[in-house]
Amino acid sequence: MATKQHFDVKFLEEIKASLVEKKNSLLEKLNTWEDKSSPSGLKEMGDIADMASEINEDVLNSVLTENEVDLLNQIEKALTKIENGTYGICEGSKKKIPVARLRAIPWTPYTVEFAEIAAKNRARMQKDRRITESQPYIQALDITYDD
């Protein structure tokens, strides 16, 4: 269970502003796409802040890259953590994430050490999956021979 991390109000306001700015930047990309694609649809949902919760995931995936969709989700998660007082705690190790890392990557859910371990594990799993997928499947046949 994550312990609560307490930061000063000024720091949290700075981080929250940074997160909201990045979120709005990603959502503006959707808004720009909407302006070029059709006269109705996304814009009818309301302002940019409302779009995040209303937008269809298929539309997100067609406009934003997989990394951008992941980033948008991480930003939302970080904003929620700020609100509930658990911001700055590594989701993997439960250790405090250093302030310098939070300033650099305010949506990060991990310490540098845990992120490196997670990245190595993902790479190993992807390699194992590629090896498994490249192996031909040979179905065993039940053959009986008459003498």
Protein backbone atom coordinates (compact mmCIF):
# COMPACT_ATOMS: atom_id res chain seq x y z
CA MET A 1 0.00 0.00 0.00
CA ALA A 2 1.39 3.39 -1.01
CA THR A 3 2.25 5.81 1.71
CA LYS A 4 1.19 9.41 1.34
CA GLN A 5 3.84 11.80 0.08
CA HIS A 6 3.63 15.38 1.21
CA PHE A 7 5.03 18.16 -0.95
CA ASP A 8 4.68 21.86 -0.41
CA VAL A 9 1.68 23.47 -2.06
CA LYS A 10 3.80 25.57 -4.43
CA PHE A 11 5.59 22.47 -5.80
CA LEU A 12 2.31 20.59 -6.33
CA GLU A 13 0.77 23.61 -8.08
CA GLU A 14 3.81 23.83 -10.35
CA ILE A 15 3.63 20.13 -11.18
CA LYS A 16 -0.13 20.22 -11.69
CA ALA A 17 0.22 23.19 -14.07
CA SER A 18 2.91 21.33 -16.01
CA LEU A 19 0.72 18.21 -16.26
CA VAL A 20 -2.33 20.17 -17.36
CA GLU A 21 -0.27 22.03 -19.97
CA LYS A 22 1.03 18.76 -21.45
CA LYS A 23 -2.46 17.22 -21.34
CA ASN A 24 -3.94 20.23 -23.13
CA SER A 25 -1.18 20.05 -25.74
CA LEU A 26 -2.11 16.44 -26.53
CA LEU A 27 -5.82 17.23 -26.53
CA GLU A 28 -5.20 20.23 -28.78
CA LYS A 29 -3.75 17.78 -31.29
CA LEU A 30 -7.13 16.04 -31.24
CA ASN A 31 -8.91 19.37 -31.59
CA THR A 32 -6.73 20.28 -34.59
CA TRP A 33 -7.52 16.92 -36.14
CA GLU A 34 -11.23 17.56 -35.56
CA ASP A 35 -11.03 20.98 -37.23
CA LYS A 36 -9.63 19.34 -40.36
CA SER A 37 -11.80 16.21 -40.37
CA SER A 38 -15.44 17.24 -39.99
CA PRO A 39 -17.67 20.14 -39.03
CA SER A 40 -19.23 18.31 -36.09
CA GLY A 41 -18.28 15.67 -33.57
CA LEU A 42 -15.60 16.21 -30.98
CA LYS A 43 -16.09 19.98 -30.71
CA GLU A 44 -19.71 19.47 -29.70
CA MET A 45 -18.55 17.69 -26.55
CA GLY A 46 -17.32 20.85 -24.90
CA ASP A 47 -13.99 22.33 -24.04
CA ILE A 48 -10.64 20.57 -24.24
CA ALA A 49 -10.71 19.50 -20.58
CA ASP A 50 -14.00 17.64 -21.12
CA MET A 51 -12.69 15.88 -24.22
CA ALA A 52 -10.33 13.62 -22.26
CA SER A 53 -13.14 11.78 -20.50
CA GLU A 54 -15.56 11.81 -23.43
CA ILE A 55 -13.31 10.83 -26.31
CA ASN A 56 -13.69 7.44 -27.95
CA GLU A 57 -10.54 5.29 -27.65
CA ASP A 58 -10.68 4.41 -31.36
CA VAL A 59 -10.51 8.11 -32.20
CA LEU A 60 -7.63 8.55 -29.75
CA ASN A 61 -5.73 5.72 -31.36
CA SER A 62 -6.30 7.03 -34.87
CA VAL A 63 -5.16 10.57 -34.04
CA LEU A 64 -2.57 10.06 -31.32
CA THR A 65 0.27 7.59 -31.39
CA GLU A 66 0.28 4.72 -28.92
CA ASN A 67 2.92 6.58 -26.88
CA GLU A 68 0.79 9.73 -26.77
CA VAL A 69 -2.27 7.78 -25.61
CA ASP A 70 -0.13 6.14 -22.92
CA LEU A 71 1.24 9.55 -21.92
CA LEU A 72 -2.26 11.01 -21.67
CA ASN A 73 -3.26 8.13 -19.38
CA GLN A 74 -0.14 8.64 -17.23
CA ILE A 75 -0.90 12.35 -16.94
CA GLU A 76 -4.47 11.64 -15.82
CA LYS A 77 -3.15 9.15 -13.27
CA ALA A 78 -0.61 11.67 -11.93
CA LEU A 79 -3.29 14.36 -11.60
CA THR A 80 -5.46 11.91 -9.66
CA LYS A 81 -2.52 11.09 -7.37
CA ILE A 82 -1.99 14.79 -6.67
CA GLU A 83 -5.64 15.07 -5.68
CA ASN A 84 -5.59 12.01 -3.40
CA GLY A 85 -2.20 12.75 -1.82
CA THR A 86 -0.23 9.79 -3.21
CA TYR A 87 1.77 11.68 -5.85
CA GLY A 88 5.51 11.02 -5.86
CA ILE A 89 5.44 7.41 -4.65
CA CYS A 90 6.87 4.76 -7.01
CA GLU A 91 4.16 2.31 -8.08
CA GLY A 92 6.69 -0.51 -8.18
CA SER A 93 8.99 -0.07 -5.21
CA LYS A 94 6.76 2.21 -3.07
CA LYS A 95 9.81 4.46 -2.54
CA LYS A 96 9.71 8.24 -2.86
CA ILE A 97 10.41 9.49 -6.37
CA PRO A 98 13.08 12.24 -6.20
CA VAL A 99 11.82 15.79 -6.75
CA ALA A 100 14.32 16.30 -9.60
CA ARG A 101 12.78 13.35 -11.48
CA LEU A 102 9.26 14.62 -10.85
CA ARG A 103 10.23 18.05 -12.20
CA ALA A 104 11.74 16.45 -15.30
CA ILE A 105 8.96 13.91 -15.91
CA PRO A 106 5.98 14.94 -13.77
CA TRP A 107 3.82 12.01 -14.96
CA THR A 108 6.37 9.33 -14.08
CA PRO A 109 4.99 6.53 -11.89
CA TYR A 110 8.44 5.09 -11.11
CA THR A 111 11.84 5.86 -9.66
CA VAL A 112 14.71 5.66 -12.17
CA GLU A 113 15.86 2.36 -10.67
CA PHE A 114 12.45 0.71 -10.91
CA ALA A 115 11.85 2.10 -14.43
CA GLU A 116 15.12 0.52 -15.61
CA ILE A 117 14.16 -2.85 -14.13
CA ALA A 118 10.70 -2.64 -15.73
CA ALA A 119 12.20 -1.71 -19.12
CA LYS A 120 14.60 -4.67 -19.00
CA ASN A 121 11.75 -7.02 -18.09
CA ARG A 122 9.59 -5.67 -20.96
CA ALA A 123 12.46 -6.10 -23.42
CA ARG A 124 13.06 -9.66 -22.24
CA MET A 125 9.34 -10.49 -22.54
CA GLN A 126 9.19 -9.02 -26.06
CA LYS A 127 12.25 -11.03 -27.09
CA ASP A 128 10.75 -14.23 -25.64
CA ARG A 129 7.47 -13.52 -27.45
CA ARG A 130 9.26 -12.98 -30.79
CA ILE A 131 11.16 -16.25 -30.35
CA THR A 132 7.96 -18.12 -29.46
CA GLU A 133 6.05 -16.60 -32.38
CA SER A 134 8.81 -17.50 -34.84
CA GLN A 135 8.75 -21.17 -33.85
CA PRO A 136 6.69 -23.24 -36.28
CA TYR A 137 3.80 -25.12 -34.75
CA ILE A 138 3.86 -28.80 -35.61
CA GLN A 139 0.76 -30.69 -34.73
CA ALA A 140 1.35 -34.19 -33.42
CA LEU A 141 -0.47 -36.80 -35.43
CA ASP A 142 -1.91 -39.92 -33.87
CA ILE A 143 -0.80 -42.53 -36.39
CA THR A 144 -1.20 -46.23 -35.85
CA TYR A 145 0.46 -48.76 -38.06
CA ASP A 146 -1.01 -52.14 -38.92
CA ASP A 147 1.47 -54.99 -39.00
